[in-house]
């Protein structure tokens, strides 16, 4: 057991399998001035089975809007939609927080089909 983790901290395999973590390609990015923290509005294409989903992502510190279009990302697509200001976020684009608080995207290191599921 890792230091600081108890039996209650572990997920069962069934719990992990419920998480729909899929690859998608960002197809559009807009400024999102209504968000409490600086963010972009993203539209991510997850392929024919899932379609496109909207997301709010706090990526403004490290990424310009132009460089995000066409970038493949990993996102959780089966969280309940969340109202963020005037938009409803339909997926959670994943990333890692650095010590300075900036978010670095979690991305596949090689291209995979949109909608591919992490497993």
N, C-alpha and C. Protein backbone atom coordinates (compact mmCIF):
# COMPACT_ATOMS: atom_id res chain seq x y z
N UNK A 1 0.85 -1.18 0.00
CA UNK A 1 0.00 0.00 0.00
C UNK A 1 0.89 1.24 0.00
N UNK A 2 0.52 2.25 -0.78
CA UNK A 2 1.28 3.49 -0.84
C UNK A 2 1.09 4.29 0.44
N UNK A 3 2.09 5.08 0.77
CA UNK A 3 2.00 5.95 1.94
C UNK A 3 0.85 6.92 1.75
N UNK A 4 0.04 7.06 2.80
CA UNK A 4 -1.06 8.02 2.77
C UNK A 4 -2.34 7.50 2.15
N UNK A 5 -2.35 6.26 1.64
CA UNK A 5 -3.56 5.71 1.04
C UNK A 5 -4.13 4.64 1.95
N UNK A 6 -5.42 4.65 2.09
CA UNK A 6 -6.08 3.60 2.85
C UNK A 6 -6.86 2.72 1.88
N UNK A 7 -7.39 1.64 2.38
CA UNK A 7 -8.19 0.74 1.55
C UNK A 7 -9.36 1.50 0.90
N UNK A 8 -9.88 2.52 1.58
CA UNK A 8 -11.02 3.28 1.06
C UNK A 8 -10.65 4.13 -0.15
N UNK A 9 -9.35 4.40 -0.37
CA UNK A 9 -8.92 5.23 -1.47
C UNK A 9 -8.86 4.48 -2.80
N UNK A 10 -8.90 3.17 -2.77
CA UNK A 10 -8.76 2.39 -3.99
C UNK A 10 -10.10 2.25 -4.71
N UNK A 11 -10.04 2.31 -6.04
CA UNK A 11 -11.22 2.06 -6.86
C UNK A 11 -11.27 0.58 -7.21
N UNK A 12 -12.44 0.06 -7.36
CA UNK A 12 -12.58 -1.29 -7.88
C UNK A 12 -12.44 -1.21 -9.40
N UNK A 13 -12.17 -2.36 -10.02
CA UNK A 13 -12.07 -2.38 -11.48
C UNK A 13 -13.40 -1.95 -12.10
N UNK A 14 -14.52 -2.37 -11.53
CA UNK A 14 -15.83 -1.98 -12.04
C UNK A 14 -16.03 -0.47 -12.00
N UNK A 15 -15.55 0.18 -10.94
CA UNK A 15 -15.65 1.64 -10.85
C UNK A 15 -14.81 2.30 -11.94
N UNK A 16 -13.60 1.82 -12.15
CA UNK A 16 -12.74 2.39 -13.19
C UNK A 16 -13.36 2.23 -14.57
N UNK A 17 -13.95 1.07 -14.83
CA UNK A 17 -14.54 0.83 -16.15
C UNK A 17 -15.70 1.75 -16.45
N UNK A 18 -16.32 2.33 -15.45
CA UNK A 18 -17.43 3.26 -15.67
C UNK A 18 -16.96 4.61 -16.21
N UNK A 19 -15.69 4.95 -16.02
CA UNK A 19 -15.16 6.23 -16.49
C UNK A 19 -14.93 6.15 -17.99
N UNK A 20 -15.61 7.02 -18.73
CA UNK A 20 -15.46 7.09 -20.18
C UNK A 20 -14.39 8.13 -20.50
N UNK A 21 -13.14 7.71 -20.49
CA UNK A 21 -12.01 8.59 -20.81
C UNK A 21 -11.64 8.32 -22.25
N UNK A 22 -11.90 9.29 -23.11
CA UNK A 22 -11.74 9.10 -24.56
C UNK A 22 -10.89 10.18 -25.20
N UNK A 23 -10.31 9.83 -26.33
CA UNK A 23 -9.53 10.78 -27.12
C UNK A 23 -10.46 11.56 -28.03
N UNK A 24 -10.17 12.83 -28.19
CA UNK A 24 -10.92 13.67 -29.11
C UNK A 24 -10.03 14.77 -29.64
N UNK A 25 -10.45 15.38 -30.73
CA UNK A 25 -9.69 16.46 -31.35
C UNK A 25 -10.43 17.78 -31.17
N UNK A 26 -9.72 18.78 -30.69
CA UNK A 26 -10.31 20.12 -30.52
C UNK A 26 -10.57 20.70 -31.90
N UNK A 27 -11.83 21.04 -32.17
CA UNK A 27 -12.19 21.58 -33.48
C UNK A 27 -12.45 23.09 -33.45
N UNK A 28 -12.73 23.64 -32.28
CA UNK A 28 -12.87 25.10 -32.18
C UNK A 28 -12.56 25.56 -30.77
N UNK A 29 -12.05 26.79 -30.70
CA UNK A 29 -11.67 27.41 -29.42
C UNK A 29 -12.11 28.86 -29.46
N UNK A 30 -12.74 29.30 -28.38
CA UNK A 30 -13.14 30.70 -28.24
C UNK A 30 -12.73 31.20 -26.86
N UNK A 31 -12.54 32.50 -26.76
CA UNK A 31 -12.32 33.11 -25.44
C UNK A 31 -13.59 32.91 -24.62
N UNK A 32 -13.45 32.82 -23.31
CA UNK A 32 -14.59 32.62 -22.42
C UNK A 32 -14.50 33.65 -21.29
N UNK A 33 -14.74 34.92 -21.61
CA UNK A 33 -14.58 35.98 -20.61
C UNK A 33 -15.56 35.89 -19.44
N UNK A 34 -16.66 35.16 -19.59
CA UNK A 34 -17.64 35.05 -18.52
C UNK A 34 -17.21 34.07 -17.41
N UNK A 35 -16.21 33.26 -17.67
CA UNK A 35 -15.74 32.29 -16.67
C UNK A 35 -15.08 33.03 -15.50
N UNK A 36 -15.20 32.46 -14.29
CA UNK A 36 -14.60 33.09 -13.10
C UNK A 36 -13.09 33.14 -13.21
N UNK A 37 -12.47 32.06 -13.68
CA UNK A 37 -11.03 32.02 -13.89
C UNK A 37 -10.80 32.02 -15.40
N UNK A 38 -9.68 32.59 -15.87
CA UNK A 38 -9.43 32.63 -17.32
C UNK A 38 -9.55 31.24 -17.94
N UNK A 39 -10.35 31.16 -19.01
CA UNK A 39 -10.62 29.86 -19.64
C UNK A 39 -10.96 30.06 -21.11
N UNK A 40 -10.96 28.94 -21.82
CA UNK A 40 -11.42 28.88 -23.20
C UNK A 40 -12.68 28.02 -23.26
N UNK A 41 -13.51 28.30 -24.26
CA UNK A 41 -14.61 27.40 -24.63
C UNK A 41 -14.09 26.51 -25.74
N UNK A 42 -14.15 25.21 -25.53
CA UNK A 42 -13.66 24.26 -26.52
C UNK A 42 -14.83 23.46 -27.08
N UNK A 43 -14.70 23.07 -28.34
CA UNK A 43 -15.56 22.05 -28.92
C UNK A 43 -14.62 20.93 -29.33
N UNK A 44 -14.90 19.71 -28.83
CA UNK A 44 -14.04 18.56 -29.04
C UNK A 44 -14.81 17.49 -29.81
N UNK A 45 -14.20 16.98 -30.89
CA UNK A 45 -14.80 15.93 -31.71
C UNK A 45 -14.35 14.57 -31.21
N UNK A 46 -15.30 13.74 -30.75
CA UNK A 46 -15.00 12.40 -30.26
C UNK A 46 -15.41 11.31 -31.24
N UNK A 47 -15.57 11.65 -32.51
CA UNK A 47 -15.89 10.66 -33.53
C UNK A 47 -17.39 10.44 -33.68
N UNK A 48 -17.74 9.57 -34.63
CA UNK A 48 -19.13 9.36 -35.00
C UNK A 48 -19.99 8.81 -33.87
N UNK A 49 -19.44 7.93 -33.04
CA UNK A 49 -20.23 7.30 -31.97
C UNK A 49 -20.66 8.30 -30.91
N UNK A 50 -19.78 9.23 -30.55
CA UNK A 50 -20.04 10.18 -29.45
C UNK A 50 -20.42 11.55 -29.99
N UNK A 51 -19.80 11.99 -31.07
CA UNK A 51 -20.05 13.32 -31.63
C UNK A 51 -19.18 14.37 -30.98
N UNK A 52 -19.61 15.63 -31.04
CA UNK A 52 -18.86 16.72 -30.45
C UNK A 52 -19.43 17.07 -29.08
N UNK A 53 -18.53 17.56 -28.23
CA UNK A 53 -18.92 18.00 -26.88
C UNK A 53 -18.24 19.33 -26.60
N UNK A 54 -18.92 20.16 -25.79
CA UNK A 54 -18.36 21.45 -25.37
C UNK A 54 -17.69 21.30 -24.01
N UNK A 55 -16.67 22.11 -23.79
CA UNK A 55 -15.99 22.10 -22.50
C UNK A 55 -15.40 23.48 -22.22
N UNK A 56 -15.33 23.82 -20.96
CA UNK A 56 -14.59 24.99 -20.51
C UNK A 56 -13.27 24.49 -19.95
N UNK A 57 -12.17 25.10 -20.38
CA UNK A 57 -10.86 24.62 -19.94
C UNK A 57 -9.94 25.80 -19.58
N UNK A 58 -9.33 25.72 -18.41
CA UNK A 58 -8.44 26.77 -17.92
C UNK A 58 -7.03 26.53 -18.47
N UNK A 59 -6.86 26.87 -19.74
CA UNK A 59 -5.60 26.61 -20.46
C UNK A 59 -4.93 27.87 -20.95
N UNK A 60 -5.45 29.03 -20.55
CA UNK A 60 -5.00 30.29 -21.15
C UNK A 60 -3.56 30.65 -20.83
N UNK A 61 -3.02 30.12 -19.73
CA UNK A 61 -1.65 30.48 -19.36
C UNK A 61 -0.60 29.86 -20.27
N UNK A 62 -0.83 28.67 -20.75
CA UNK A 62 0.19 27.94 -21.51
C UNK A 62 -0.14 27.72 -22.98
N UNK A 63 -1.39 27.92 -23.36
CA UNK A 63 -1.81 27.61 -24.74
C UNK A 63 -2.52 28.79 -25.38
N UNK A 64 -2.16 29.08 -26.63
CA UNK A 64 -2.89 30.06 -27.43
C UNK A 64 -4.04 29.35 -28.13
N UNK A 65 -5.09 30.08 -28.43
CA UNK A 65 -6.26 29.47 -29.06
C UNK A 65 -5.89 28.77 -30.37
N UNK A 66 -5.06 29.42 -31.19
CA UNK A 66 -4.71 28.85 -32.49
C UNK A 66 -3.98 27.52 -32.38
N UNK A 67 -3.13 27.36 -31.38
CA UNK A 67 -2.38 26.10 -31.27
C UNK A 67 -3.22 24.96 -30.73
N UNK A 68 -4.36 25.26 -30.12
CA UNK A 68 -5.23 24.21 -29.59
C UNK A 68 -6.09 23.55 -30.67
N UNK A 69 -6.46 24.30 -31.70
CA UNK A 69 -7.28 23.73 -32.77
C UNK A 69 -6.49 22.63 -33.47
N UNK A 70 -7.08 21.44 -33.54
CA UNK A 70 -6.42 20.30 -34.16
C UNK A 70 -5.66 19.42 -33.19
N UNK A 71 -5.54 19.86 -31.94
CA UNK A 71 -4.81 19.08 -30.92
C UNK A 71 -5.72 17.98 -30.38
N UNK A 72 -5.14 16.79 -30.27
CA UNK A 72 -5.88 15.68 -29.69
C UNK A 72 -5.70 15.69 -28.18
N UNK A 73 -6.79 15.47 -27.44
CA UNK A 73 -6.79 15.53 -25.98
C UNK A 73 -7.50 14.31 -25.42
N UNK A 74 -7.39 14.13 -24.13
CA UNK A 74 -8.12 13.09 -23.40
C UNK A 74 -9.17 13.79 -22.54
N UNK A 75 -10.39 13.24 -22.56
CA UNK A 75 -11.47 13.86 -21.79
C UNK A 75 -12.41 12.81 -21.22
N UNK A 76 -12.98 13.13 -20.06
CA UNK A 76 -14.03 12.29 -19.48
C UNK A 76 -15.34 12.77 -20.10
N UNK A 77 -16.06 11.83 -20.73
CA UNK A 77 -17.29 12.24 -21.43
C UNK A 77 -18.56 11.82 -20.72
N UNK A 78 -18.46 11.12 -19.59
CA UNK A 78 -19.69 10.68 -18.93
C UNK A 78 -19.91 11.31 -17.55
N UNK A 79 -19.36 12.50 -17.33
CA UNK A 79 -19.80 13.30 -16.18
C UNK A 79 -21.11 13.97 -16.56
N UNK A 80 -21.93 14.26 -15.59
CA UNK A 80 -23.15 15.03 -15.86
C UNK A 80 -22.74 16.41 -16.36
N UNK A 81 -23.48 16.98 -17.33
CA UNK A 81 -23.17 18.34 -17.78
C UNK A 81 -23.15 19.31 -16.61
N UNK A 82 -22.25 20.29 -16.69
CA UNK A 82 -22.08 21.26 -15.61
C UNK A 82 -22.23 22.67 -16.18
N UNK A 83 -23.09 23.47 -15.55
CA UNK A 83 -23.28 24.84 -15.98
C UNK A 83 -22.10 25.68 -15.52
N UNK A 84 -21.41 26.32 -16.46
CA UNK A 84 -20.28 27.20 -16.15
C UNK A 84 -20.60 28.53 -16.81
N UNK A 85 -21.03 29.48 -16.00
CA UNK A 85 -21.47 30.76 -16.57
C UNK A 85 -22.60 30.50 -17.55
N UNK A 86 -22.52 31.08 -18.75
CA UNK A 86 -23.60 30.92 -19.72
C UNK A 86 -23.53 29.63 -20.54
N UNK A 87 -22.52 28.79 -20.33
CA UNK A 87 -22.41 27.56 -21.14
C UNK A 87 -22.54 26.32 -20.28
N UNK A 88 -22.96 25.24 -20.92
CA UNK A 88 -23.05 23.94 -20.26
C UNK A 88 -21.87 23.11 -20.73
N UNK A 89 -20.95 22.79 -19.82
CA UNK A 89 -19.79 21.97 -20.14
C UNK A 89 -20.24 20.51 -20.20
N UNK A 90 -19.91 19.82 -21.30
CA UNK A 90 -20.39 18.47 -21.54
C UNK A 90 -19.32 17.39 -21.40
N UNK A 91 -18.09 17.81 -21.15
CA UNK A 91 -17.00 16.86 -20.93
C UNK A 91 -15.90 17.55 -20.13
N UNK A 92 -15.01 16.75 -19.54
CA UNK A 92 -13.90 17.30 -18.77
C UNK A 92 -12.60 16.97 -19.49
N UNK A 93 -11.99 17.99 -20.10
CA UNK A 93 -10.69 17.82 -20.74
C UNK A 93 -9.66 17.69 -19.62
N UNK A 94 -8.81 16.68 -19.70
CA UNK A 94 -7.90 16.38 -18.60
C UNK A 94 -6.53 17.04 -18.79
N UNK A 95 -5.90 17.29 -17.66
CA UNK A 95 -4.57 17.88 -17.66
C UNK A 95 -3.94 17.75 -16.28
N UNK A 96 -2.72 18.21 -16.20
CA UNK A 96 -1.94 18.15 -14.97
C UNK A 96 -1.65 19.56 -14.50
N UNK A 97 -1.81 19.80 -13.18
CA UNK A 97 -1.45 21.10 -12.61
C UNK A 97 0.04 21.11 -12.31
N UNK A 98 0.71 22.16 -12.79
CA UNK A 98 2.12 22.36 -12.43
C UNK A 98 2.19 23.09 -11.10
N UNK A 99 3.39 23.21 -10.55
CA UNK A 99 3.58 23.92 -9.28
C UNK A 99 3.11 25.36 -9.35
N UNK A 100 3.20 25.98 -10.53
CA UNK A 100 2.77 27.38 -10.68
C UNK A 100 1.26 27.51 -10.90
N UNK A 101 0.54 26.38 -10.88
CA UNK A 101 -0.91 26.40 -11.04
C UNK A 101 -1.39 26.32 -12.47
N UNK A 102 -0.48 26.37 -13.44
CA UNK A 102 -0.88 26.27 -14.85
C UNK A 102 -1.19 24.82 -15.21
N UNK A 103 -2.12 24.64 -16.16
CA UNK A 103 -2.54 23.31 -16.58
C UNK A 103 -1.85 22.89 -17.86
N UNK A 104 -1.27 21.68 -17.84
CA UNK A 104 -0.67 21.07 -19.02
C UNK A 104 -1.60 19.95 -19.46
N UNK A 105 -2.01 19.97 -20.72
CA UNK A 105 -2.96 18.98 -21.22
C UNK A 105 -2.40 17.56 -21.16
N UNK A 106 -3.28 16.61 -20.86
CA UNK A 106 -2.97 15.18 -20.99
C UNK A 106 -3.35 14.79 -22.42
N UNK A 107 -2.37 14.34 -23.19
CA UNK A 107 -2.60 14.04 -24.61
C UNK A 107 -1.99 12.70 -24.98
N UNK A 108 -2.56 12.01 -25.98
CA UNK A 108 -1.90 10.81 -26.49
C UNK A 108 -0.59 11.21 -27.16
N UNK A 109 0.47 10.44 -26.98
CA UNK A 109 1.74 10.83 -27.61
C UNK A 109 1.78 10.47 -29.09
N UNK A 110 0.90 9.59 -29.54
CA UNK A 110 0.71 9.29 -30.95
C UNK A 110 -0.78 9.41 -31.25
N UNK A 111 -1.11 9.73 -32.49
CA UNK A 111 -2.52 9.89 -32.84
C UNK A 111 -3.30 8.59 -32.70
N UNK A 112 -4.52 8.71 -32.23
CA UNK A 112 -5.45 7.58 -32.13
C UNK A 112 -6.77 8.05 -32.72
N UNK A 113 -7.66 7.13 -33.08
CA UNK A 113 -8.96 7.58 -33.62
C UNK A 113 -9.75 8.38 -32.58
N UNK A 114 -10.43 9.42 -33.03
CA UNK A 114 -11.31 10.15 -32.13
C UNK A 114 -12.34 9.19 -31.57
N UNK A 115 -12.55 9.26 -30.27
CA UNK A 115 -13.48 8.37 -29.59
C UNK A 115 -12.79 7.15 -28.98
N UNK A 116 -11.50 6.95 -29.27
CA UNK A 116 -10.79 5.81 -28.68
C UNK A 116 -10.85 5.93 -27.17
N UNK A 117 -11.12 4.80 -26.52
CA UNK A 117 -11.30 4.80 -25.07
C UNK A 117 -10.02 4.33 -24.38
N UNK A 118 -9.66 5.04 -23.31
CA UNK A 118 -8.53 4.62 -22.49
C UNK A 118 -8.94 3.35 -21.77
N UNK A 119 -8.10 2.37 -21.83
CA UNK A 119 -8.46 1.11 -21.18
C UNK A 119 -7.26 0.31 -20.79
